[in-house]
Amino acid sequence: MSSQHLQERTRLTVNQARELAQAVARKMAYSAEDSAVIAEHVIDAALCGYEYSGLPKLLDAIESQRNLLPRTPMTIIKETPISIVFDGGNNIGMLAIQRLGEAVQAKAMVSGFAIGGVQNSWMSGRGAHYVEKLVNNDLVVIHTVSSQSYVAPLGGIESILGTNPITIGLPTANGPLIFDMGTSAIMYTDLTLRERRGETLPEGVAIDVHGNPTQDPTAARAGALLPFAGHKGFGLALMMHAMGLLTGAGTTADKNNGHLIIAFKPDLMYSTEQYKEDVSALITRIKTSKRAAGVDEIRIPSERSFKERARNLKDGLEFDTAVFNRLRKFAGV
């Protein structure tokens, strides 16, 4: 297995990629409206430079056991003026969390604060996608996920925790500031893309079923991923998982995805416009501060992905041809 396995690539316009993604979602029996939401998510991930969360994510969705189970419309389990919890009806997270975000935003815009969650959904996708939408409405946002068991606790060899990402978004005078990270040493979707490509994993990110370090994606899938940064990543993964339990997701394999969004207006505490100016001033101080030798630029979270998006909107998107062909075959286009 090569760590630098060359792949034939296919370049698509953004519209071509979106149409393919929509066709795949339609073949998965989602409505035209819901397919557009799913397609928007994966295409935006690709635009922002996260190829493994782009079209390859749809292959993971097609192959997921959850995709074979019946789906029902999302329903409200519990609701108050500032909170809401949904049963996701086994719908894909890229759709369920979008609907959750819309509901939380509507409540936060009225009450100033809102919290919401969804259980019984799967494959959350890229957290920054949902958070950016709310931040664009001048909300401070925290989004957490407790996902399927792929990650071993520190010192363990059994996958108990999810990759459990956390996303924090803040409004600034110059657009959203978004920090989006998983708590595992590598994201599971990255692992599956490397497996498809015949590539090895980086060192120190996974173990096999016996607890031995491995760079083989297939062995890692049978074993477990590791938390990033040892006890720090483990601690965050545990807390994100526990936060997900607030949705009633539980810890069983069929309902262990708990998606949570917290949003509030800055003016609950401080002038919104002044807060945005203050955050922008902090970013300016950081970017204009003295740099270490050999460092050309100090980058801020989300800065690279926003630049990638602007470039890719003009230039189009590249994907592995093998992924492209498999999706076309599945969709029948």
Protein backbone atom coordinates (compact mmCIF):
# COMPACT_ATOMS: atom_id res chain seq x y z
CA MET A 1 0.00 0.00 0.00
CA SER A 2 1.55 3.24 -1.14
CA SER A 3 1.44 6.47 0.84
CA GLN A 4 1.56 8.42 -2.42
CA HIS A 5 -0.82 6.51 -4.68
CA LEU A 6 -1.37 8.42 -7.92
CA GLN A 7 -5.01 8.76 -8.91
CA GLU A 8 -6.60 9.78 -12.19
CA ARG A 9 -8.49 13.00 -11.61
CA THR A 10 -11.63 14.49 -13.13
CA ARG A 11 -12.33 18.23 -13.17
CA LEU A 12 -15.91 19.42 -12.94
CA THR A 13 -17.55 22.80 -12.89
CA VAL A 14 -19.27 23.59 -9.62
CA ASN A 15 -22.66 23.17 -11.29
CA GLN A 16 -21.68 19.78 -12.72
CA ALA A 17 -20.51 18.59 -9.31
CA ARG A 18 -23.69 19.88 -7.68
CA GLU A 19 -25.92 18.20 -10.26
CA LEU A 20 -24.14 14.89 -9.71
CA ALA A 21 -24.47 15.20 -5.94
CA GLN A 22 -28.17 15.97 -6.27
CA ALA A 23 -28.68 12.99 -8.57
CA VAL A 24 -26.98 10.70 -6.05
CA ALA A 25 -29.13 11.99 -3.19
CA ARG A 26 -32.26 11.57 -5.31
CA LYS A 27 -31.23 7.97 -6.00
CA MET A 28 -30.97 7.54 -2.22
CA ALA A 29 -34.70 8.40 -2.20
CA TYR A 30 -34.44 11.93 -0.85
CA SER A 31 -36.82 14.55 -2.23
CA ALA A 32 -35.62 17.14 -4.72
CA GLU A 33 -35.60 19.78 -1.97
CA ASP A 34 -33.70 17.60 0.50
CA SER A 35 -31.29 16.45 -2.22
CA ALA A 36 -30.42 20.08 -2.92
CA VAL A 37 -29.57 20.57 0.78
CA ILE A 38 -27.32 17.49 0.82
CA ALA A 39 -25.64 18.51 -2.43
CA GLU A 40 -25.02 22.03 -1.17
CA HIS A 41 -23.26 20.58 1.87
CA VAL A 42 -20.84 18.26 0.09
CA ILE A 43 -20.06 20.77 -2.66
CA ASP A 44 -19.32 23.50 -0.15
CA ALA A 45 -16.96 21.13 1.67
CA ALA A 46 -15.13 20.46 -1.60
CA LEU A 47 -15.02 24.17 -2.42
CA CYS A 48 -13.41 24.85 0.96
CA GLY A 49 -10.67 22.30 0.27
CA TYR A 50 -12.01 19.30 2.19
CA GLU A 51 -12.20 16.79 -0.63
CA TYR A 52 -12.86 13.84 1.68
CA SER A 53 -16.05 15.59 2.84
CA GLY A 54 -17.06 16.35 -0.74
CA LEU A 55 -18.24 13.80 -3.31
CA PRO A 56 -16.44 10.89 -1.56
CA LYS A 57 -18.69 11.56 1.44
CA LEU A 58 -21.63 10.46 -0.69
CA LEU A 59 -19.97 7.10 -1.30
CA ASP A 60 -19.66 6.67 2.46
CA ALA A 61 -23.35 7.54 2.77
CA ILE A 62 -24.37 5.05 0.10
CA GLU A 63 -22.36 2.29 1.79
CA SER A 64 -23.55 3.09 5.32
CA GLN A 65 -25.78 0.51 6.98
CA ARG A 66 -27.94 3.41 8.18
CA ASN A 67 -28.77 4.17 4.55
CA LEU A 68 -30.45 0.76 4.31
CA LEU A 69 -32.81 1.45 7.21
CA PRO A 70 -36.25 3.06 6.80
CA ARG A 71 -36.50 6.86 7.07
CA THR A 72 -39.32 8.98 8.42
CA PRO A 73 -39.84 12.77 8.50
CA MET A 74 -38.14 14.60 11.35
CA THR A 75 -40.38 15.16 14.37
CA ILE A 76 -40.15 17.40 17.43
CA ILE A 77 -39.55 15.51 20.68
CA LYS A 78 -39.50 18.51 23.00
CA GLU A 79 -39.76 22.27 22.50
CA THR A 80 -39.72 25.46 24.56
CA PRO A 81 -39.36 29.10 23.44
CA ILE A 82 -35.55 28.75 23.61
CA SER A 83 -34.98 25.04 22.95
CA ILE A 84 -35.91 22.26 20.57
CA VAL A 85 -35.03 18.57 20.22
CA PHE A 86 -35.75 16.57 17.06
CA ASP A 87 -35.96 12.91 16.24
CA GLY A 88 -34.03 12.87 12.99
CA GLY A 89 -36.03 9.95 11.58
CA ASN A 90 -32.82 8.21 10.46
CA ASN A 91 -32.23 10.98 7.92
CA ILE A 92 -28.65 11.80 7.01
CA GLY A 93 -27.09 14.37 9.31
CA MET A 94 -26.30 16.74 6.46
CA LEU A 95 -30.05 17.23 6.16
CA ALA A 96 -31.09 16.84 9.80
CA ILE A 97 -28.55 19.33 11.17
CA GLN A 98 -29.44 21.85 8.48
CA ARG A 99 -33.05 21.73 9.71
CA LEU A 100 -31.87 21.91 13.31
CA GLY A 101 -29.78 25.00 12.55
CA GLU A 102 -32.73 26.72 10.93
CA ALA A 103 -34.90 26.06 14.00
CA VAL A 104 -32.23 27.21 16.47
CA GLN A 105 -31.57 30.36 14.45
CA ALA A 106 -35.27 31.25 14.37
CA LYS A 107 -35.53 30.93 18.16
CA ALA A 108 -32.27 32.79 18.85
CA MET A 109 -33.29 35.71 16.65
CA VAL A 110 -36.46 36.13 18.74
CA SER A 111 -35.24 35.27 22.25
CA GLY A 112 -31.55 36.13 21.97
CA PHE A 113 -30.53 32.60 22.97
CA ALA A 114 -31.43 29.11 21.80
CA ILE A 115 -30.23 25.54 22.10
CA GLY A 116 -31.30 22.58 20.02
CA GLY A 117 -30.42 19.01 19.27
CA VAL A 118 -31.24 16.12 17.01
CA GLN A 119 -30.93 12.40 17.66
CA ASN A 120 -31.46 9.43 15.36
CA SER A 121 -29.49 10.78 12.42
CA TRP A 122 -26.09 9.92 11.02
CA MET A 123 -23.11 11.31 9.09
CA SER A 124 -23.01 14.91 10.21
CA GLY A 125 -20.62 16.23 7.57
CA ARG A 126 -18.68 19.45 8.05
CA GLY A 127 -19.75 21.44 11.10
CA ALA A 128 -18.53 24.78 9.75
CA HIS A 129 -21.14 24.58 7.00
CA TYR A 130 -24.03 24.87 9.45
CA VAL A 131 -22.31 27.28 11.80
CA GLU A 132 -21.39 29.77 9.07
CA LYS A 133 -25.05 30.23 8.16
CA LEU A 134 -25.96 31.22 11.72
CA VAL A 135 -22.88 33.41 12.20
CA ASN A 136 -23.86 35.31 9.06
CA ASN A 137 -26.91 36.39 11.07
CA ASP A 138 -24.68 37.85 13.82
CA LEU A 139 -25.03 34.90 16.20
CA VAL A 140 -22.32 33.34 18.34
CA VAL A 141 -22.56 29.59 17.70
CA ILE A 142 -21.26 26.38 19.27
CA HIS A 143 -21.94 23.09 17.48
CA THR A 144 -21.01 19.70 18.93
CA VAL A 145 -21.42 16.15 17.67
CA SER A 146 -21.31 12.75 19.32
CA SER A 147 -20.87 10.27 16.50
CA GLN A 148 -20.47 6.55 15.91
CA SER A 149 -17.83 4.69 17.88
CA TYR A 150 -14.58 4.95 15.92
CA VAL A 151 -12.15 6.22 18.57
CA ALA A 152 -10.48 4.43 21.48
CA PRO A 153 -10.16 6.20 24.84
CA LEU A 154 -6.63 7.08 25.91
CA GLY A 155 -4.97 3.84 26.99
CA GLY A 156 -7.74 1.67 25.52
CA ILE A 157 -7.89 -0.41 22.34
CA GLU A 158 -11.65 -0.56 21.79
CA SER A 159 -13.56 2.08 19.83
CA ILE A 160 -15.96 3.71 22.29
CA LEU A 161 -16.09 7.39 21.32
CA GLY A 162 -16.85 9.14 18.06
CA THR A 163 -14.63 11.51 16.12
CA ASN A 164 -16.84 14.07 17.90
CA PRO A 165 -16.07 17.40 16.24
CA ILE A 166 -16.67 20.80 17.77
CA THR A 167 -17.27 23.99 15.80
CA ILE A 168 -17.29 27.51 17.20
CA GLY A 169 -18.32 30.49 15.10
CA LEU A 170 -18.18 34.21 15.86
CA PRO A 171 -19.29 37.24 13.85
CA THR A 172 -16.66 39.87 13.06
CA ALA A 173 -16.61 43.13 11.14
CA ASN A 174 -14.99 41.24 8.26
CA GLY A 175 -17.10 38.10 8.10
CA PRO A 176 -17.35 34.87 10.10
CA LEU A 177 -14.54 33.55 12.28
CA ILE A 178 -14.98 29.78 12.46
CA PHE A 179 -12.95 27.11 14.22
CA ASP A 180 -13.89 23.55 13.25
CA MET A 181 -12.00 20.50 14.49
CA GLY A 182 -12.47 16.81 15.13
CA THR A 183 -11.24 15.30 18.37
CA SER A 184 -9.68 12.27 16.69
CA ALA A 185 -6.17 12.24 15.23
CA ILE A 186 -7.68 11.76 11.76
CA MET A 187 -11.27 12.07 10.57
CA TYR A 188 -13.03 8.85 9.67
CA THR A 189 -14.00 10.11 6.22
CA ASP A 190 -10.33 10.90 5.57
CA LEU A 191 -9.52 7.30 6.51
CA THR A 192 -12.09 5.87 4.09
CA LEU A 193 -10.86 8.08 1.24
CA ARG A 194 -7.28 6.93 1.85
CA GLU A 195 -8.51 3.33 1.87
CA ARG A 196 -10.21 3.84 -1.50
CA ARG A 197 -7.02 5.33 -2.90
CA GLY A 198 -4.78 2.58 -1.54
CA GLU A 199 -2.91 5.10 0.60
CA THR A 200 -1.46 4.60 4.06
CA LEU A 201 -2.42 6.60 7.13
CA PRO A 202 -0.05 9.00 8.88
CA GLU A 203 1.84 7.54 11.81
CA GLY A 204 0.27 7.67 15.24
CA VAL A 205 -3.39 8.07 14.28
CA ALA A 206 -4.77 4.54 14.55
CA ILE A 207 -4.39 1.07 16.07
CA ASP A 208 -5.40 -2.38 14.86
CA VAL A 209 -7.76 -4.74 16.67
CA HIS A 210 -4.92 -5.88 18.92
CA GLY A 211 -3.94 -2.34 19.92
CA ASN A 212 -0.82 -2.19 17.76
CA PRO A 213 -0.05 1.02 15.84
CA THR A 214 -1.11 0.73 12.19
CA GLN A 215 -0.99 2.80 9.04
CA ASP A 216 -3.28 0.38 7.19
CA PRO A 217 -6.76 1.96 6.82
CA THR A 218 -8.48 -1.43 6.69
CA ALA A 219 -6.77 -2.57 9.87
CA ALA A 220 -7.63 0.75 11.49
CA ARG A 221 -11.30 0.35 10.62
CA ALA A 222 -11.29 -3.00 12.41
CA GLY A 223 -9.38 -1.45 15.31
CA ALA A 224 -9.76 2.17 16.34
CA LEU A 225 -8.68 5.71 15.67
CA LEU A 226 -6.79 7.56 18.39
CA PRO A 227 -7.66 10.89 20.01
CA PHE A 228 -5.55 13.83 18.86
CA ALA A 229 -2.93 15.14 21.30
CA GLY A 230 -3.33 12.33 23.82
CA HIS A 231 -5.25 13.20 26.96
CA LYS A 232 -6.32 16.60 25.58
CA GLY A 233 -8.11 15.11 22.60
CA PHE A 234 -9.53 12.31 24.72
CA GLY A 235 -10.93 14.79 27.21
CA LEU A 236 -12.56 16.85 24.47
CA ALA A 237 -13.93 13.73 22.75
CA LEU A 238 -15.47 12.55 26.01
CA MET A 239 -17.07 15.93 26.73
CA MET A 240 -18.42 16.27 23.18
CA HIS A 241 -19.91 12.78 23.44
CA ALA A 242 -21.50 13.61 26.77
CA MET A 243 -22.89 16.86 25.32
CA GLY A 244 -24.52 14.81 22.56
CA LEU A 245 -26.35 12.78 25.17
CA LEU A 246 -28.40 15.92 25.92
CA THR A 247 -30.34 15.12 22.76
CA GLY A 248 -31.42 11.76 24.16
CA ALA A 249 -29.24 9.98 21.62
CA GLY A 250 -28.09 7.42 24.18
CA THR A 251 -25.05 5.23 23.73
CA THR A 252 -26.41 2.35 21.66
CA ALA A 253 -25.18 1.75 18.14
CA ASP A 254 -28.48 2.65 16.47
CA LYS A 255 -28.95 6.08 18.06
CA ASN A 256 -25.55 7.27 19.20
CA ASN A 257 -25.34 10.37 16.99
CA GLY A 258 -26.24 13.44 19.03
CA HIS A 259 -26.01 16.80 17.26
CA LEU A 260 -26.20 19.95 19.38
CA ILE A 261 -26.29 23.64 18.39
CA ILE A 262 -26.14 26.55 20.84
CA ALA A 263 -26.59 30.09 19.50
CA PHE A 264 -26.98 33.51 21.05
CA LYS A 265 -26.86 37.19 20.19
CA PRO A 266 -23.75 39.06 21.38
CA ASP A 267 -25.97 41.91 22.55
CA LEU A 268 -27.16 39.79 25.46
CA MET A 269 -23.86 40.91 26.95
CA TYR A 270 -22.36 43.66 24.79
CA SER A 271 -22.99 45.75 21.69
CA THR A 272 -23.05 43.40 18.71
CA GLU A 273 -21.37 45.86 16.37
CA GLN A 274 -18.69 46.75 18.91
CA TYR A 275 -18.06 43.07 19.59
CA LYS A 276 -17.57 42.44 15.88
CA GLU A 277 -15.10 45.33 15.70
CA ASP A 278 -13.25 44.04 18.76
CA VAL A 279 -12.86 40.53 17.33
CA SER A 280 -11.62 41.98 14.03
CA ALA A 281 -9.11 44.11 15.92
CA LEU A 282 -7.86 41.02 17.76
CA ILE A 283 -7.42 39.18 14.46
CA THR A 284 -5.49 42.14 13.03
CA ARG A 285 -3.19 42.18 16.05
CA ILE A 286 -2.49 38.48 15.60
CA LYS A 287 -1.87 38.66 11.85
CA THR A 288 0.42 41.69 12.13
CA SER A 289 2.38 40.34 15.10
CA LYS A 290 6.03 39.31 14.79
CA ARG A 291 6.50 36.02 12.98
CA ALA A 292 8.95 33.22 13.62
CA ALA A 293 11.80 32.67 11.18
CA GLY A 294 10.59 31.15 7.92
CA VAL A 295 6.91 31.95 8.55
CA ASP A 296 5.38 34.01 5.74
CA GLU A 297 1.94 34.48 7.25
CA ILE A 298 0.05 33.83 10.47
CA ARG A 299 -3.22 32.25 9.43
CA ILE A 300 -6.50 32.48 11.29
CA PRO A 301 -8.94 29.54 11.54
CA SER A 302 -11.21 29.34 8.46
CA GLU A 303 -9.01 31.76 6.50
CA ARG A 304 -7.55 29.08 4.23
CA SER A 305 -10.93 27.46 3.53
CA PHE A 306 -12.53 30.78 2.61
CA LYS A 307 -9.69 31.51 0.16
CA GLU A 308 -10.00 28.00 -1.29
CA ARG A 309 -13.72 28.50 -1.77
CA ALA A 310 -13.23 31.75 -3.68
CA ARG A 311 -10.62 30.15 -5.93
CA ASN A 312 -12.56 26.93 -6.57
CA LEU A 313 -15.76 28.80 -7.39
CA LYS A 314 -13.84 30.22 -10.37
CA ASP A 315 -11.67 27.24 -11.28
CA GLY A 316 -14.00 24.30 -10.61
CA LEU A 317 -13.38 21.16 -8.59
CA GLU A 318 -11.20 18.08 -8.97
CA PHE A 319 -12.16 14.62 -7.75
CA ASP A 320 -10.78 11.11 -8.06
CA THR A 321 -12.08 9.70 -11.34
CA ALA A 322 -12.85 6.40 -9.63
CA VAL A 323 -15.11 8.19 -7.14
CA PHE A 324 -16.72 10.19 -9.96
CA ASN A 325 -17.43 7.06 -12.01
CA ARG A 326 -18.88 5.14 -9.07
CA LEU A 327 -21.24 7.98 -8.23
CA ARG A 328 -22.34 8.36 -11.86
CA LYS A 329 -23.04 4.64 -12.05
CA PHE A 330 -25.04 4.72 -8.82
CA ALA A 331 -27.06 7.74 -9.90
CA GLY A 332 -27.55 6.42 -13.43
CA VAL A 333 -26.32 9.60 -15.12
